[in-house]
Amino acid sequence: MDTDEITLVHHGFPKPKYVRLRVDGGSLRRESGSGSSGKPRHSAKDCGSPTEAGYALAKEMHKRLRDGFVMLRDPAEAAVGEPVLVAAAPNRCGSQVLDVHPGGHTLVVATMLKEAYGAEIHLVDVATGVRRLVHTEPAGERQTFLHTVRFDAAGQGVVYALNGETRLLDLATGASRTLAAYEQWQTSDFNPFCVQPSWDRARQRLLVFDTGNRVRVLDADGVPVLELDVARQPECRAGALSPSGRLLALAFGLGPAHVEVWDVDTGRRVQRHGFPFPFPAGRDSAGCGGVDVLGFDPTERFLVANGGFAEGPFAMALDTGALAWAVPDPHRTDRWGTCYAWAFSPDGTRLTVGDRGVVALRDPDTGTPLLPLPGLPDPQLRTGTGRTYRVVYTDAGDLLVCGGDGGRIVVLRA
């Protein structure tokens, strides 16, 4: 996020603290204070040029965010695409493992401690940026990788994936229970860095991966409504429920790769297609067929996915498997564009694609840039989140939450 002036606040003290940073010619000027009646302190640093002063502002902003300061803006006063919250993930960690409460007022963020020994789950209030620790995974002999956090439908619980376990955390009591669990290469072939638990749109059905190479779909009470045995080669690499929860899609293999679609209520497989990767001969198998993120469009007529080395997204017809559209790479013809994550807006009018430090707004029917939008002339929104591995809308569609490997959490007015 490029700016010549910014005000950061920290509400985690008895009296809120603030710091205002401003580029003034070749100098960086700083004003800081606490409360509403205290006398502010002023200082300045000569940086030699406006460019160097801008760099100094960005560096100090980054440090302050790591210390718990946040940038806040009233959503009612923010234009479309402007941030209403900029924060940093706790523990100097990446911010890609996050979700937003159904009501839009709270984020849940999972971070790992030093060298992934120990982990924490925090809630972050969108209006103030205040963090609250709700779960600690103690350090032990084994690394503790937190892969996913997802609020339940009521926002009273959080489903999270820790190594090969899927657990449900009760936010009121702090207690958690295990919904599914496996050990890679011991009780299952699943790779916890690939397959992740996920909800349908209403958060009434949950996809989990379990011991014995079992794929299960659970209802809101945790009761299985579908169970599949996928103990075969090639390995299962991704999965997703359709928005209605009626269909389950599973991707298998690297190159070539294929997808199978199942009717959740009947347990019947309804489709099997190879993925339409039109790359030239000679691309290695990881670049030709691997699927990273798999899902459905809002109409449930298409499957949408990333392929290869964070390439895409692309859409394939659910009934025929034919390629419907793909986002091209602007410079190379042997691959698709860069995509680390994607999400559809709740009303189905926008496909939001996570790239390096930006998110791109695209037409959900064609994958082409969505332009123009009222008050938003640029189809790319700057986030400063590094590789943007997580994009998620609030249920109301008024806010877009972004996170990535840069550690910054950005909530944009949508």
Protein backbone atom coordinates (compact mmCIF):
# COMPACT_ATOMS: atom_id res chain seq x y z
CA MET A 1 0.00 0.00 0.00
CA ASP A 2 1.68 3.20 -1.22
CA THR A 3 0.98 6.37 0.76
CA ASP A 4 2.73 9.59 1.85
CA GLU A 5 0.83 9.82 5.13
CA ILE A 6 -0.69 7.25 7.43
CA THR A 7 -2.07 7.08 10.97
CA LEU A 8 -1.72 3.85 12.94
CA VAL A 9 -3.46 3.07 16.24
CA HIS A 10 -3.07 0.46 18.96
CA HIS A 11 -6.10 -0.25 21.15
CA GLY A 12 -4.38 -2.93 23.22
CA PHE A 13 -3.43 -0.49 26.01
CA PRO A 14 -5.46 1.21 28.79
CA LYS A 15 -5.16 4.37 26.70
CA PRO A 16 -5.07 3.86 22.92
CA LYS A 17 -1.78 4.83 21.31
CA TYR A 18 -1.33 6.35 17.90
CA VAL A 19 1.46 7.29 15.52
CA ARG A 20 1.12 9.49 12.45
CA LEU A 21 3.80 9.16 9.75
CA ARG A 22 4.15 11.73 6.97
CA VAL A 23 6.57 12.33 4.11
CA ASP A 24 7.56 15.99 3.95
CA GLY A 25 9.96 16.54 1.07
CA GLY A 26 13.03 14.48 1.91
CA SER A 27 12.05 14.02 5.55
CA LEU A 28 9.91 11.53 7.44
CA ARG A 29 7.89 13.30 10.14
CA ARG A 30 6.43 11.43 13.08
CA GLU A 31 3.74 12.39 15.60
CA SER A 32 2.86 9.99 18.41
CA GLY A 33 0.81 10.00 21.56
CA SER A 34 -1.73 8.17 23.70
CA GLY A 35 -5.29 8.90 24.76
CA SER A 36 -7.18 11.95 23.56
CA SER A 37 -5.78 14.56 25.93
CA GLY A 38 -2.06 13.75 26.11
CA LYS A 39 0.50 16.05 24.55
CA PRO A 40 1.77 14.60 21.23
CA ARG A 41 5.45 14.04 20.60
CA HIS A 42 7.06 15.11 17.34
CA SER A 43 10.23 14.03 15.58
CA ALA A 44 11.69 14.13 12.08
CA LYS A 45 14.27 12.15 10.13
CA ASP A 46 16.15 13.54 7.15
CA CYS A 47 16.16 10.82 4.50
CA GLY A 48 17.80 12.78 1.67
CA SER A 49 15.00 12.57 -0.90
CA PRO A 50 11.22 12.07 -1.12
CA THR A 51 11.82 8.57 -2.48
CA GLU A 52 14.00 7.58 0.46
CA ALA A 53 11.51 9.17 2.86
CA GLY A 54 8.78 7.02 1.31
CA TYR A 55 10.90 3.94 1.85
CA ALA A 56 11.47 4.94 5.47
CA LEU A 57 7.72 5.40 6.00
CA ALA A 58 6.98 1.93 4.59
CA LYS A 59 9.71 0.39 6.77
CA GLU A 60 8.44 2.00 9.95
CA MET A 61 4.83 1.16 9.09
CA HIS A 62 5.84 -2.49 8.70
CA LYS A 63 7.56 -2.47 12.09
CA ARG A 64 4.62 -0.78 13.82
CA LEU A 65 2.18 -3.30 12.34
CA ARG A 66 4.34 -6.13 13.67
CA ASP A 67 4.16 -4.44 17.10
CA GLY A 68 0.35 -4.55 17.07
CA PHE A 69 -0.54 -1.17 15.56
CA VAL A 70 -3.19 -1.15 12.82
CA MET A 71 -4.53 1.20 10.20
CA LEU A 72 -8.29 1.76 10.52
CA ARG A 73 -10.92 3.48 8.41
CA ASP A 74 -14.68 3.67 8.85
CA PRO A 75 -16.18 1.44 6.11
CA ALA A 76 -18.84 4.08 5.50
CA GLU A 77 -16.12 6.59 4.60
CA ALA A 78 -13.99 4.23 2.51
CA ALA A 79 -14.31 4.05 -1.26
CA VAL A 80 -14.66 0.70 -3.01
CA GLY A 81 -11.26 -1.00 -3.00
CA GLU A 82 -9.87 1.07 -0.09
CA PRO A 83 -8.68 -0.67 3.10
CA VAL A 84 -10.73 -0.42 6.28
CA LEU A 85 -8.21 -2.46 8.28
CA VAL A 86 -4.52 -3.14 7.73
CA ALA A 87 -2.85 -5.32 10.35
CA ALA A 88 -0.10 -7.90 10.69
CA ALA A 89 -0.50 -11.52 11.66
CA PRO A 90 0.75 -12.30 15.16
CA ASN A 91 4.10 -14.00 15.76
CA ARG A 92 5.71 -12.50 12.62
CA CYS A 93 4.00 -15.20 10.61
CA GLY A 94 2.27 -15.32 7.23
CA SER A 95 -1.40 -14.35 7.13
CA GLN A 96 -2.76 -16.88 4.63
CA VAL A 97 -4.50 -19.04 7.27
CA LEU A 98 -7.49 -16.86 8.10
CA ASP A 99 -11.25 -16.50 7.77
CA VAL A 100 -13.97 -13.93 8.41
CA HIS A 101 -16.97 -14.28 10.74
CA PRO A 102 -20.36 -14.67 9.00
CA GLY A 103 -21.29 -11.27 10.46
CA GLY A 104 -18.15 -9.66 9.07
CA HIS A 105 -17.02 -8.13 12.38
CA THR A 106 -14.27 -10.57 13.37
CA LEU A 107 -11.37 -12.37 11.73
CA VAL A 108 -9.80 -15.62 12.85
CA VAL A 109 -6.07 -15.98 12.16
CA ALA A 110 -3.87 -19.02 12.73
CA THR A 111 -0.11 -18.62 13.12
CA MET A 112 2.80 -20.89 13.96
CA LEU A 113 5.55 -20.16 16.44
CA LYS A 114 9.29 -20.38 15.79
CA GLU A 115 10.17 -23.05 13.23
CA ALA A 116 6.55 -24.33 13.45
CA TYR A 117 6.94 -25.72 16.97
CA GLY A 118 3.78 -24.52 18.66
CA ALA A 119 0.87 -22.58 17.16
CA GLU A 120 -1.81 -20.07 18.08
CA ILE A 121 -5.27 -19.03 16.92
CA HIS A 122 -6.33 -15.40 17.42
CA LEU A 123 -9.54 -13.47 16.84
CA VAL A 124 -9.14 -9.95 15.43
CA ASP A 125 -11.84 -7.31 15.79
CA VAL A 126 -12.30 -5.58 12.41
CA ALA A 127 -13.43 -2.29 13.97
CA THR A 128 -10.45 -1.87 16.32
CA GLY A 129 -7.78 -4.38 15.25
CA VAL A 130 -7.61 -5.76 18.80
CA ARG A 131 -6.41 -9.38 18.94
CA ARG A 132 -7.63 -12.06 21.34
CA LEU A 133 -5.81 -15.36 21.78
CA VAL A 134 -8.36 -18.21 21.78
CA HIS A 135 -6.22 -21.33 21.33
CA THR A 136 -2.61 -22.35 21.91
CA GLU A 137 -1.02 -25.50 20.57
CA PRO A 138 2.02 -26.16 22.76
CA ALA A 139 5.43 -26.87 21.29
CA GLY A 140 6.50 -30.48 21.36
CA GLU A 141 8.79 -32.89 19.56
CA ARG A 142 6.75 -32.57 16.38
CA GLN A 143 6.13 -29.48 14.26
CA THR A 144 2.61 -28.07 14.43
CA PHE A 145 1.44 -26.88 11.03
CA LEU A 146 -1.91 -25.06 11.03
CA HIS A 147 -3.26 -25.30 7.49
CA THR A 148 -6.84 -24.00 7.69
CA VAL A 149 -9.23 -22.07 9.94
CA ARG A 150 -12.92 -21.67 9.09
CA PHE A 151 -15.78 -20.22 11.15
CA ASP A 152 -18.91 -22.33 11.49
CA ALA A 153 -22.33 -21.03 10.43
CA ALA A 154 -23.10 -19.38 13.77
CA GLY A 155 -19.61 -17.95 14.21
CA GLN A 156 -19.40 -19.70 17.58
CA GLY A 157 -16.90 -22.33 16.53
CA VAL A 158 -13.83 -22.60 14.31
CA VAL A 159 -12.87 -25.63 12.27
CA TYR A 160 -9.11 -25.88 11.96
CA ALA A 161 -6.65 -28.30 10.37
CA LEU A 162 -3.57 -29.14 12.44
CA ASN A 163 -1.20 -31.45 10.58
CA GLY A 164 -3.53 -34.31 9.56
CA GLU A 165 -6.24 -33.58 12.13
CA THR A 166 -9.45 -31.63 11.57
CA ARG A 167 -10.77 -30.16 14.81
CA LEU A 168 -13.67 -27.97 15.94
CA LEU A 169 -12.84 -25.27 18.49
CA ASP A 170 -15.69 -24.00 20.69
CA LEU A 171 -14.96 -20.28 21.11
CA ALA A 172 -17.10 -20.00 24.26
CA THR A 173 -15.32 -22.71 26.23
CA GLY A 174 -11.98 -23.07 24.44
CA ALA A 175 -12.55 -26.82 24.14
CA SER A 176 -11.85 -28.61 20.88
CA ARG A 177 -12.86 -31.99 19.52
CA THR A 178 -11.46 -34.02 16.65
CA LEU A 179 -13.66 -34.51 13.59
CA ALA A 180 -11.17 -36.44 11.45
CA ALA A 181 -7.53 -37.48 11.71
CA TYR A 182 -4.86 -39.29 9.73
CA GLU A 183 -1.09 -39.74 9.60
CA GLN A 184 0.38 -39.35 6.12
CA TRP A 185 2.04 -42.56 4.88
CA GLN A 186 0.89 -44.40 8.01
CA THR A 187 -2.90 -44.39 8.21
CA SER A 188 -3.56 -42.52 4.96
CA ASP A 189 -1.94 -41.25 1.77
CA PHE A 190 -3.43 -37.76 2.12
CA ASN A 191 -1.01 -34.83 2.13
CA PRO A 192 -2.14 -32.24 4.72
CA PHE A 193 -0.44 -29.48 2.71
CA CYS A 194 -2.79 -30.29 -0.21
CA VAL A 195 -6.19 -31.51 1.01
CA GLN A 196 -8.04 -29.17 3.37
CA PRO A 197 -11.40 -29.24 5.18
CA SER A 198 -13.97 -26.89 3.66
CA TRP A 199 -17.63 -25.91 4.00
CA ASP A 200 -20.41 -25.43 1.52
CA ARG A 201 -21.67 -21.86 1.15
CA ALA A 202 -24.16 -22.06 4.04
CA ARG A 203 -21.65 -23.90 6.26
CA GLN A 204 -24.08 -26.76 6.74
CA ARG A 205 -21.88 -29.47 5.25
CA LEU A 206 -18.18 -29.97 5.91
CA LEU A 207 -15.66 -31.85 3.79
CA VAL A 208 -12.97 -33.68 5.80
CA PHE A 209 -10.21 -36.21 5.09
CA ASP A 210 -9.86 -39.12 7.48
CA THR A 211 -7.83 -42.17 8.33
CA GLY A 212 -7.91 -45.10 5.91
CA ASN A 213 -8.00 -42.79 2.88
CA ARG A 214 -11.58 -41.87 3.70
CA VAL A 215 -13.24 -38.73 2.38
CA ARG A 216 -16.25 -37.76 4.47
CA VAL A 217 -18.94 -35.10 4.22
CA LEU A 218 -20.37 -34.20 7.63
CA ASP A 219 -23.57 -32.36 8.44
CA ALA A 220 -23.73 -29.42 10.86
CA ASP A 221 -23.83 -31.85 13.81
CA GLY A 222 -20.78 -33.76 12.63
CA VAL A 223 -22.76 -36.76 11.37
CA PRO A 224 -21.44 -38.30 8.11
CA VAL A 225 -23.78 -37.94 5.11
CA LEU A 226 -21.24 -39.33 2.62
CA GLU A 227 -18.16 -41.50 2.97
CA LEU A 228 -15.84 -42.48 0.13
CA ASP A 229 -12.80 -44.72 0.00
CA VAL A 230 -10.18 -43.14 -2.27
CA ALA A 231 -7.36 -45.58 -1.50
CA ARG A 232 -6.00 -45.73 -5.03
CA GLN A 233 -3.41 -44.13 -7.25
CA PRO A 234 -2.97 -41.40 -8.23
CA GLU A 235 -3.37 -39.65 -4.91
CA CYS A 236 -6.16 -37.23 -4.05
CA ARG A 237 -4.72 -33.69 -4.31
CA ALA A 238 -7.70 -31.37 -3.70
CA GLY A 239 -11.39 -31.38 -2.92
CA ALA A 240 -14.38 -29.05 -2.61
CA LEU A 241 -18.10 -28.99 -1.95
CA SER A 242 -20.37 -27.11 -4.32
CA PRO A 243 -22.06 -23.96 -2.94
CA SER A 244 -25.30 -25.86 -2.33
CA GLY A 245 -23.48 -28.76 -0.68
CA ARG A 246 -25.11 -31.10 -3.20
CA LEU A 247 -21.92 -32.03 -5.08
CA LEU A 248 -18.41 -33.08 -4.08
CA ALA A 249 -15.43 -32.71 -6.42
CA LEU A 250 -12.10 -34.49 -5.89
CA ALA A 251 -8.95 -33.96 -7.96
CA PHE A 252 -6.46 -36.80 -8.42
CA GLY A 253 -2.90 -36.94 -9.70
CA LEU A 254 -0.36 -34.53 -11.09
CA GLY A 255 0.16 -35.21 -14.77
CA PRO A 256 -2.17 -36.21 -16.18
CA ALA A 257 -4.75 -35.21 -13.59
CA HIS A 258 -8.47 -35.87 -13.43
CA VAL A 259 -11.49 -34.86 -11.37
CA GLU A 260 -14.40 -36.91 -10.06
CA VAL A 261 -17.74 -35.40 -9.04
CA TRP A 262 -20.08 -37.12 -6.62
CA ASP A 263 -23.70 -36.57 -5.61
CA VAL A 264 -23.49 -36.16 -1.84
CA ASP A 265 -27.05 -37.31 -1.11
CA THR A 266 -27.01 -40.46 -3.24
CA GLY A 267 -23.32 -41.35 -2.96
CA ARG A 268 -23.19 -41.83 -6.73
CA ARG A 269 -20.34 -40.64 -8.93
CA VAL A 270 -21.86 -38.44 -11.62
CA GLN A 271 -18.82 -37.19 -13.60
CA ARG A 272 -15.20 -38.05 -14.31
CA HIS A 273 -13.06 -35.78 -16.50
CA GLY A 274 -9.43 -35.18 -17.29
CA PHE A 275 -8.30 -31.64 -16.60
CA PRO A 276 -7.97 -29.59 -19.81
CA PHE A 277 -4.37 -28.41 -19.58
CA PRO A 278 -3.46 -27.31 -23.14
CA PHE A 279 0.27 -27.01 -22.52
CA PRO A 280 2.84 -28.10 -25.09
CA ALA A 281 4.60 -31.43 -24.89
CA GLY A 282 7.71 -31.28 -22.76
CA ARG A 283 6.23 -29.51 -19.74
CA ASP A 284 7.00 -31.68 -16.75
CA SER A 285 4.14 -33.44 -15.01
CA ALA A 286 3.99 -31.02 -12.08
CA GLY A 287 3.49 -28.15 -14.49
CA CYS A 288 1.03 -29.94 -16.74
CA GLY A 289 -1.58 -31.43 -14.46
CA GLY A 290 -1.32 -30.56 -10.79
CA VAL A 291 -4.36 -28.93 -9.18
CA ASP A 292 -3.88 -26.74 -6.14
CA VAL A 293 -7.26 -25.12 -5.39
CA LEU A 294 -10.48 -26.70 -6.63
CA GLY A 295 -14.04 -25.39 -6.43
CA PHE A 296 -17.30 -24.59 -8.19
CA ASP A 297 -18.71 -21.43 -9.70
CA PRO A 298 -21.88 -20.04 -8.04
CA THR A 299 -24.13 -21.63 -10.67
CA GLU A 300 -22.56 -25.08 -10.23
CA ARG A 301 -22.17 -25.37 -14.00
CA PHE A 302 -18.38 -25.12 -13.92
CA LEU A 303 -15.44 -26.37 -11.93
CA VAL A 304 -12.82 -23.70 -11.23
CA ALA A 305 -9.22 -24.50 -10.31
CA ASN A 306 -5.57 -23.49 -10.16
CA GLY A 307 -3.11 -25.63 -12.07
CA GLY A 308 0.60 -26.20 -12.32
CA PHE A 309 2.82 -23.65 -10.59
CA ALA A 310 0.12 -21.31 -9.19
CA GLU A 311 -1.34 -20.92 -12.69
CA GLY A 312 -4.91 -19.94 -13.52
CA PRO A 313 -7.61 -19.84 -12.64
CA PHE A 314 -9.44 -21.80 -15.30
CA ALA A 315 -13.01 -23.07 -15.63
CA MET A 316 -14.17 -26.37 -17.11
CA ALA A 317 -17.74 -27.39 -17.89
CA LEU A 318 -19.06 -29.74 -15.24
CA ASP A 319 -21.04 -31.85 -17.69
CA THR A 320 -18.46 -32.26 -20.48
CA GLY A 321 -15.07 -31.40 -18.94
CA ALA A 322 -14.39 -28.94 -21.76
CA LEU A 323 -12.30 -25.84 -21.04
CA ALA A 324 -14.69 -22.89 -20.74
CA TRP A 325 -12.11 -20.15 -20.14
CA ALA A 326 -8.66 -19.60 -18.65
CA VAL A 327 -6.72 -16.50 -17.60
CA PRO A 328 -3.70 -16.23 -19.93
CA ASP A 329 -0.23 -15.23 -18.86
CA PRO A 330 0.46 -11.74 -20.28
CA HIS A 331 4.03 -12.61 -21.25
CA ARG A 332 4.27 -16.35 -21.93
CA THR A 333 2.14 -18.58 -24.13
CA ASP A 334 3.07 -21.89 -22.50
CA ARG A 335 1.30 -21.18 -19.21
CA TRP A 336 -1.67 -19.41 -17.67
CA GLY A 337 -1.58 -16.33 -15.47
CA THR A 338 -0.42 -16.24 -11.86
CA CYS A 339 -3.04 -17.23 -9.30
CA TYR A 340 -2.49 -18.13 -5.66
CA ALA A 341 -6.13 -18.03 -4.56
CA TRP A 342 -9.56 -17.09 -5.85
CA ALA A 343 -13.06 -16.46 -4.54
CA PHE A 344 -16.44 -15.48 -5.95
CA SER A 345 -18.35 -12.60 -4.40
CA PRO A 346 -21.55 -13.72 -2.62
CA ASP A 347 -23.74 -12.24 -5.37
CA GLY A 348 -21.72 -14.07 -8.04
CA THR A 349 -20.80 -10.92 -9.98
CA ARG A 350 -17.04 -10.93 -9.29
CA LEU A 351 -14.26 -13.47 -9.41
CA THR A 352 -11.42 -12.20 -7.20
CA VAL A 353 -7.96 -13.60 -7.91
CA GLY A 354 -4.99 -13.35 -5.56
CA ASP A 355 -1.66 -12.43 -7.19
CA ARG A 356 1.60 -10.89 -5.90
CA GLY A 357 0.60 -7.97 -3.67
CA VAL A 358 -2.67 -7.41 -5.54
CA VAL A 359 -6.06 -8.96 -6.15
CA ALA A 360 -7.63 -8.83 -9.59
CA LEU A 361 -11.36 -8.51 -10.18
CA ARG A 362 -12.57 -10.65 -13.10
CA ASP A 363 -15.76 -11.53 -14.91
CA PRO A 364 -17.02 -14.84 -13.45
CA ASP A 365 -18.29 -16.02 -16.84
CA THR A 366 -15.18 -15.32 -18.91
CA GLY A 367 -12.25 -14.71 -16.56
CA THR A 368 -11.54 -11.37 -18.24
CA PRO A 369 -10.77 -8.20 -16.21
CA LEU A 370 -13.90 -6.67 -14.74
CA LEU A 371 -13.91 -3.03 -15.77
CA PRO A 372 -15.26 -0.52 -15.05
CA LEU A 373 -16.91 -0.67 -11.65
CA PRO A 374 -18.61 2.25 -9.90
CA GLY A 375 -15.90 4.19 -8.09
CA LEU A 376 -13.26 1.64 -9.06
CA PRO A 377 -11.49 2.33 -12.37
CA ASP A 378 -8.68 -0.19 -11.77
CA PRO A 379 -9.47 -3.94 -11.88
CA GLN A 380 -6.47 -4.62 -9.62
CA LEU A 381 -6.55 -3.71 -5.94
CA ARG A 382 -3.23 -3.30 -4.10
CA THR A 383 -2.97 -5.30 -0.88
CA GLY A 384 0.71 -5.56 0.03
CA THR A 385 0.04 -9.13 1.23
CA GLY A 386 2.86 -10.72 -0.76
CA ARG A 387 1.71 -13.87 -2.54
CA THR A 388 -2.00 -13.54 -1.79
CA TYR A 389 -2.94 -17.09 -0.80
CA ARG A 390 -6.27 -16.22 0.82
CA VAL A 391 -9.15 -14.06 -0.43
CA VAL A 392 -12.56 -14.31 1.25
CA TYR A 393 -15.69 -12.15 1.24
CA THR A 394 -17.99 -11.49 4.15
CA ASP A 395 -21.39 -13.13 3.78
CA ALA A 396 -22.90 -9.70 3.07
CA GLY A 397 -20.31 -9.09 0.34
CA ASP A 398 -19.39 -5.66 1.71
CA LEU A 399 -15.82 -6.52 2.73
CA LEU A 400 -12.99 -8.52 1.13
CA VAL A 401 -10.32 -10.02 3.38
CA CYS A 402 -6.85 -10.78 1.96
CA GLY A 403 -3.83 -12.54 3.44
CA GLY A 404 -0.58 -13.94 2.16
CA ASP A 405 2.99 -14.94 2.84
CA GLY A 406 4.00 -11.33 3.51
CA GLY A 407 2.19 -11.45 6.87
CA ARG A 408 -0.09 -8.48 6.26
CA ILE A 409 -3.88 -8.76 6.75
CA VAL A 410 -5.89 -6.32 4.63
CA VAL A 411 -9.66 -5.83 4.75
CA LEU A 412 -10.95 -3.90 1.74
CA ARG A 413 -14.34 -2.35 1.19
CA ALA A 414 -15.96 -4.41 -1.56
